[in-house]
Amino acid sequence: GEVEFRSILFVPAIAPSRRDDILNQKTKNIRLYVKRVFISDDFDGEL
C-alpha cells in the first residue's frame, strides 16, 4: 500500500558552539506522535 509522511524539521542557521547547548535538557522532551497518538519519547539516536 501507499504510505504518506508529513513532518516539521527545524535546522538552526548557526550550529551550537558548546556541547552543553547540543545536549540540552529541553531537547530531551522530544516526543513522537502519529495522528495525535503518542508513540515514543525514547530517542537514543540523533535526529
C-alpha atoms as a PDB file:
ATOM      1  CA  GLY A   1       0.000   0.000   0.000  1.00  0.00           C
ATOM      2  CA  GLU A   2       0.847   3.651  -0.079  1.00  0.00           C
ATOM      3  CA  VAL A   3       2.384   5.391   2.932  1.00  0.00           C
ATOM      4  CA  GLU A   4       2.465   9.164   3.371  1.00  0.00           C
ATOM      5  CA  PHE A   5       4.532  11.095   5.932  1.00  0.00           C
ATOM      6  CA  ARG A   6       4.417  14.738   6.974  1.00  0.00           C
ATOM      7  CA  SER A   7       6.974  16.273   9.259  1.00  0.00           C
ATOM      8  CA  ILE A   8       8.400  19.516  10.547  1.00  0.00           C
ATOM      9  CA  LEU A   9      12.152  19.787  10.997  1.00  0.00           C
ATOM     10  CA  PHE A  10      13.897  22.826  12.456  1.00  0.00           C
ATOM     11  CA  VAL A  11      17.510  23.381  11.415  1.00  0.00           C
ATOM     12  CA  PRO A  12      19.121  26.419  13.074  1.00  0.00           C
ATOM     13  CA  ALA A  13      21.096  28.787  10.876  1.00  0.00           C
ATOM     14  CA  ILE A  14      24.100  28.624  13.227  1.00  0.00           C
ATOM     15  CA  ALA A  15      25.345  25.405  14.842  1.00  0.00           C
ATOM     16  CA  PRO A  16      25.664  25.383  18.656  1.00  0.00           C
ATOM     17  CA  SER A  17      29.183  26.266  19.772  1.00  0.00           C
ATOM     18  CA  ARG A  18      29.213  24.345  23.073  1.00  0.00           C
ATOM     19  CA  ARG A  19      28.482  20.714  23.862  1.00  0.00           C
ATOM     20  CA  ASP A  20      26.112  21.826  26.635  1.00  0.00           C
ATOM     21  CA  ASP A  21      23.986  23.554  24.020  1.00  0.00           C
ATOM     22  CA  ILE A  22      23.783  20.361  21.946  1.00  0.00           C
ATOM     23  CA  LEU A  23      22.864  18.095  24.877  1.00  0.00           C
ATOM     24  CA  ASN A  24      20.296  20.486  26.294  1.00  0.00           C
ATOM     25  CA  GLN A  25      17.723  19.281  28.840  1.00  0.00           C
ATOM     26  CA  LYS A  26      14.944  20.858  26.755  1.00  0.00           C
ATOM     27  CA  THR A  27      15.707  18.599  23.787  1.00  0.00           C
ATOM     28  CA  LYS A  28      15.199  15.506  25.933  1.00  0.00           C
ATOM     29  CA  ASN A  29      11.461  16.249  25.818  1.00  0.00           C
ATOM     30  CA  ILE A  30      11.074  15.315  22.140  1.00  0.00           C
ATOM     31  CA  ARG A  31       8.106  13.009  21.630  1.00  0.00           C
ATOM     32  CA  LEU A  32       6.772  11.174  18.606  1.00  0.00           C
ATOM     33  CA  TYR A  33       3.058  11.421  17.813  1.00  0.00           C
ATOM     34  CA  VAL A  34       1.243   9.840  14.864  1.00  0.00           C
ATOM     35  CA  LYS A  35      -2.237  11.215  14.193  1.00  0.00           C
ATOM     36  CA  ARG A  36      -2.275  12.649  17.740  1.00  0.00           C
ATOM     37  CA  VAL A  37      -1.394   9.273  19.247  1.00  0.00           C
ATOM     38  CA  PHE A  38       1.702   9.184  21.462  1.00  0.00           C
ATOM     39  CA  ILE A  39       4.240   6.677  20.112  1.00  0.00           C
ATOM     40  CA  SER A  40       7.523   7.197  21.973  1.00  0.00           C
ATOM     41  CA  ASP A  41       9.704   9.630  23.901  1.00  0.00           C
ATOM     42  CA  ASP A  42      12.780   7.383  23.907  1.00  0.00           C
ATOM     43  CA  PHE A  43      15.160   8.593  21.196  1.00  0.00           C
ATOM     44  CA  ASP A  44      18.689   7.370  21.814  1.00  0.00           C
ATOM     45  CA  GLY A  45      19.987   8.312  18.356  1.00  0.00           C
ATOM     46  CA  GLU A  46      20.356  11.602  16.580  1.00  0.00           C
ATOM     47  CA  LEU A  47      17.519  13.246  14.731  1.00  0.00           C
END
